[in-house]
Amino acid sequence: MPNQFESKALWAILGEVLLLVLAPPLAWSQVGNGTIAGTVTDKSGAVVPAATITIVNDGTNATITVSSNSDGTFASAALPVGMYTVTVTKQGFRPYTEKGVEVHPAQVSSVNPKIAIGTVTQQV
């Protein structure tokens, strides 16, 4: 019958083996993704809070929507590597679209839209 020391050593070895088996896939899932982040401003350079940022994966058409915060910044993390289209909308402003945003593993791709005040048009 194993003594208390041998039992603890056995559990420690078992824990290390599990860590070696499980850690690489977990680490790879973090490394295999990237982030799109930026600051929404108007043409004068003032930040634009509460803008809607729509991020579309060009390869899969998967869509994520986030909002800019009070200082105009936004971020969307854990995005699969690929090409994206980023569209920014806000009432009173013209829509802004940036195509071909590349997301690379473990990197931040910057998108800093400068949106223009929109004109209200009326159709009769």
C-alpha atoms as a PDB file:
ATOM      1  CA  MET A   1       0.000   0.000   0.000  1.00  0.00           C
ATOM      2  CA  PRO A   2       1.490   3.395  -0.993  1.00  0.00           C
ATOM      3  CA  ASN A   3       2.324   5.833   1.761  1.00  0.00           C
ATOM      4  CA  GLN A   4       1.027   9.422   1.879  1.00  0.00           C
ATOM      5  CA  PHE A   5       4.140  10.796   0.158  1.00  0.00           C
ATOM      6  CA  GLU A   6       3.856   8.367  -2.764  1.00  0.00           C
ATOM      7  CA  SER A   7       0.146   9.260  -3.232  1.00  0.00           C
ATOM      8  CA  LYS A   8       0.910  12.981  -3.357  1.00  0.00           C
ATOM      9  CA  ALA A   9       3.743  12.388  -5.818  1.00  0.00           C
ATOM     10  CA  LEU A  10       1.475  10.270  -8.011  1.00  0.00           C
ATOM     11  CA  TRP A  11      -1.199  13.019  -8.055  1.00  0.00           C
ATOM     12  CA  ALA A  12       1.438  15.651  -8.847  1.00  0.00           C
ATOM     13  CA  ILE A  13       2.722  13.622 -11.806  1.00  0.00           C
ATOM     14  CA  LEU A  14      -0.823  12.999 -13.034  1.00  0.00           C
ATOM     15  CA  GLY A  15      -1.537  16.748 -12.814  1.00  0.00           C
ATOM     16  CA  GLU A  16       1.596  17.580 -14.818  1.00  0.00           C
ATOM     17  CA  VAL A  17       0.681  15.052 -17.518  1.00  0.00           C
ATOM     18  CA  LEU A  18      -2.814  16.547 -17.806  1.00  0.00           C
ATOM     19  CA  LEU A  19      -1.333  20.039 -18.016  1.00  0.00           C
ATOM     20  CA  LEU A  20       1.022  18.968 -20.807  1.00  0.00           C
ATOM     21  CA  VAL A  21      -1.847  17.381 -22.729  1.00  0.00           C
ATOM     22  CA  LEU A  22      -4.402  20.177 -22.266  1.00  0.00           C
ATOM     23  CA  ALA A  23      -2.262  23.333 -22.319  1.00  0.00           C
ATOM     24  CA  PRO A  24      -1.158  23.388 -25.986  1.00  0.00           C
ATOM     25  CA  PRO A  25      -4.700  23.361 -27.448  1.00  0.00           C
ATOM     26  CA  LEU A  26      -5.795  26.064 -25.001  1.00  0.00           C
ATOM     27  CA  ALA A  27      -2.782  28.201 -25.805  1.00  0.00           C
ATOM     28  CA  TRP A  28      -3.249  27.690 -29.542  1.00  0.00           C
ATOM     29  CA  SER A  29      -6.869  28.825 -29.352  1.00  0.00           C
ATOM     30  CA  GLN A  30      -5.660  32.137 -27.921  1.00  0.00           C
ATOM     31  CA  VAL A  31      -2.740  32.534 -30.338  1.00  0.00           C
ATOM     32  CA  GLY A  32      -4.848  31.655 -33.389  1.00  0.00           C
ATOM     33  CA  ASN A  33      -7.113  34.675 -32.934  1.00  0.00           C
ATOM     34  CA  GLY A  34      -6.651  38.405 -33.251  1.00  0.00           C
ATOM     35  CA  THR A  35      -8.361  41.683 -32.407  1.00  0.00           C
ATOM     36  CA  ILE A  36      -9.814  44.612 -34.303  1.00  0.00           C
ATOM     37  CA  ALA A  37      -9.738  47.841 -32.285  1.00  0.00           C
ATOM     38  CA  GLY A  38      -9.800  51.565 -32.850  1.00  0.00           C
ATOM     39  CA  THR A  39     -11.279  54.968 -32.103  1.00  0.00           C
ATOM     40  CA  VAL A  40     -14.229  56.501 -33.933  1.00  0.00           C
ATOM     41  CA  THR A  41     -13.856  60.244 -34.507  1.00  0.00           C
ATOM     42  CA  ASP A  42     -15.569  62.848 -36.644  1.00  0.00           C
ATOM     43  CA  LYS A  43     -13.764  64.891 -39.286  1.00  0.00           C
ATOM     44  CA  SER A  44     -12.793  67.517 -36.656  1.00  0.00           C
ATOM     45  CA  GLY A  45     -11.139  64.874 -34.489  1.00  0.00           C
ATOM     46  CA  ALA A  46     -13.822  64.773 -31.773  1.00  0.00           C
ATOM     47  CA  VAL A  47     -14.559  61.284 -30.463  1.00  0.00           C
ATOM     48  CA  VAL A  48     -17.881  59.697 -31.371  1.00  0.00           C
ATOM     49  CA  PRO A  49     -19.403  57.638 -28.558  1.00  0.00           C
ATOM     50  CA  ALA A  50     -22.186  55.070 -29.060  1.00  0.00           C
ATOM     51  CA  ALA A  51     -21.389  54.422 -32.718  1.00  0.00           C
ATOM     52  CA  THR A  52     -22.306  50.946 -33.978  1.00  0.00           C
ATOM     53  CA  ILE A  53     -19.374  48.985 -35.381  1.00  0.00           C
ATOM     54  CA  THR A  54     -20.257  45.945 -37.491  1.00  0.00           C
ATOM     55  CA  ILE A  55     -17.402  43.522 -38.174  1.00  0.00           C
ATOM     56  CA  VAL A  56     -17.978  40.928 -40.901  1.00  0.00           C
ATOM     57  CA  ASN A  57     -15.623  38.021 -41.633  1.00  0.00           C
ATOM     58  CA  ASP A  58     -15.313  38.106 -45.431  1.00  0.00           C
ATOM     59  CA  GLY A  59     -14.693  34.360 -45.644  1.00  0.00           C
ATOM     60  CA  THR A  60     -17.514  33.093 -43.428  1.00  0.00           C
ATOM     61  CA  ASN A  61     -19.911  36.064 -43.316  1.00  0.00           C
ATOM     62  CA  ALA A  62     -19.928  35.777 -39.498  1.00  0.00           C
ATOM     63  CA  THR A  63     -20.956  39.133 -38.042  1.00  0.00           C
ATOM     64  CA  ILE A  64     -20.098  40.769 -34.725  1.00  0.00           C
ATOM     65  CA  THR A  65     -21.520  44.094 -33.583  1.00  0.00           C
ATOM     66  CA  VAL A  66     -19.938  46.288 -30.905  1.00  0.00           C
ATOM     67  CA  SER A  67     -20.353  49.923 -29.840  1.00  0.00           C
ATOM     68  CA  SER A  68     -17.827  52.655 -29.268  1.00  0.00           C
ATOM     69  CA  ASN A  69     -17.621  53.701 -25.632  1.00  0.00           C
ATOM     70  CA  SER A  70     -17.653  57.210 -24.145  1.00  0.00           C
ATOM     71  CA  ASP A  71     -14.153  57.966 -25.428  1.00  0.00           C
ATOM     72  CA  GLY A  72     -14.931  56.644 -28.925  1.00  0.00           C
ATOM     73  CA  THR A  73     -12.897  53.458 -28.578  1.00  0.00           C
ATOM     74  CA  PHE A  74     -14.014  49.957 -29.480  1.00  0.00           C
ATOM     75  CA  ALA A  75     -12.500  46.487 -29.620  1.00  0.00           C
ATOM     76  CA  SER A  76     -13.512  43.021 -30.668  1.00  0.00           C
ATOM     77  CA  ALA A  77     -11.153  40.268 -29.527  1.00  0.00           C
ATOM     78  CA  ALA A  78     -10.896  36.538 -30.260  1.00  0.00           C
ATOM     79  CA  LEU A  79     -11.575  36.992 -33.970  1.00  0.00           C
ATOM     80  CA  PRO A  80     -10.471  34.128 -36.215  1.00  0.00           C
ATOM     81  CA  VAL A  81      -7.626  34.955 -38.572  1.00  0.00           C
ATOM     82  CA  GLY A  82      -8.882  36.282 -41.896  1.00  0.00           C
ATOM     83  CA  MET A  83     -10.091  39.296 -43.851  1.00  0.00           C
ATOM     84  CA  TYR A  84     -12.832  41.533 -42.464  1.00  0.00           C
ATOM     85  CA  THR A  85     -15.058  44.412 -43.482  1.00  0.00           C
ATOM     86  CA  VAL A  86     -15.710  47.001 -40.766  1.00  0.00           C
ATOM     87  CA  THR A  87     -18.719  49.323 -41.026  1.00  0.00           C
ATOM     88  CA  VAL A  88     -19.433  52.196 -38.632  1.00  0.00           C
ATOM     89  CA  THR A  89     -22.853  53.794 -38.333  1.00  0.00           C
ATOM     90  CA  LYS A  90     -24.237  56.537 -36.103  1.00  0.00           C
ATOM     91  CA  GLN A  91     -27.390  58.586 -36.485  1.00  0.00           C
ATOM     92  CA  GLY A  92     -26.559  61.968 -38.000  1.00  0.00           C
ATOM     93  CA  PHE A  93     -23.365  60.668 -39.672  1.00  0.00           C
ATOM     94  CA  ARG A  94     -22.628  59.044 -43.004  1.00  0.00           C
ATOM     95  CA  PRO A  95     -21.804  55.330 -42.824  1.00  0.00           C
ATOM     96  CA  TYR A  96     -18.089  54.464 -42.953  1.00  0.00           C
ATOM     97  CA  THR A  97     -16.826  51.169 -44.413  1.00  0.00           C
ATOM     98  CA  GLU A  98     -13.299  49.805 -44.455  1.00  0.00           C
ATOM     99  CA  LYS A  99     -12.711  46.620 -46.430  1.00  0.00           C
ATOM    100  CA  GLY A 100      -9.720  44.311 -46.367  1.00  0.00           C
ATOM    101  CA  VAL A 101      -8.916  44.544 -42.661  1.00  0.00           C
ATOM    102  CA  GLU A 102      -6.508  41.680 -41.987  1.00  0.00           C
ATOM    103  CA  VAL A 103      -6.625  39.870 -38.650  1.00  0.00           C
ATOM    104  CA  HIS A 104      -3.441  38.028 -37.709  1.00  0.00           C
ATOM    105  CA  PRO A 105      -2.822  35.665 -34.783  1.00  0.00           C
ATOM    106  CA  ALA A 106      -2.233  37.399 -31.426  1.00  0.00           C
ATOM    107  CA  GLN A 107      -2.165  40.874 -33.009  1.00  0.00           C
ATOM    108  CA  VAL A 108      -4.357  43.975 -32.952  1.00  0.00           C
ATOM    109  CA  SER A 109      -5.522  45.337 -36.297  1.00  0.00           C
ATOM    110  CA  SER A 110      -6.260  49.051 -36.014  1.00  0.00           C
ATOM    111  CA  VAL A 111      -9.267  50.670 -37.632  1.00  0.00           C
ATOM    112  CA  ASN A 112      -9.679  54.372 -36.789  1.00  0.00           C
ATOM    113  CA  PRO A 113     -12.694  55.642 -38.719  1.00  0.00           C
ATOM    114  CA  LYS A 114     -13.220  59.365 -39.279  1.00  0.00           C
ATOM    115  CA  ILE A 115     -16.910  59.699 -39.981  1.00  0.00           C
ATOM    116  CA  ALA A 116     -18.546  62.667 -41.676  1.00  0.00           C
ATOM    117  CA  ILE A 117     -21.722  64.393 -40.614  1.00  0.00           C
ATOM    118  CA  GLY A 118     -24.513  63.187 -42.869  1.00  0.00           C
ATOM    119  CA  THR A 119     -27.019  65.252 -44.708  1.00  0.00           C
ATOM    120  CA  VAL A 120     -30.686  64.550 -44.394  1.00  0.00           C
ATOM    121  CA  THR A 121     -32.255  63.946 -47.781  1.00  0.00           C
ATOM    122  CA  GLN A 122     -35.947  63.816 -48.454  1.00  0.00           C
ATOM    123  CA  GLN A 123     -37.476  61.966 -51.367  1.00  0.00           C
ATOM    124  CA  VAL A 124     -40.802  63.095 -52.743  1.00  0.00           C
END
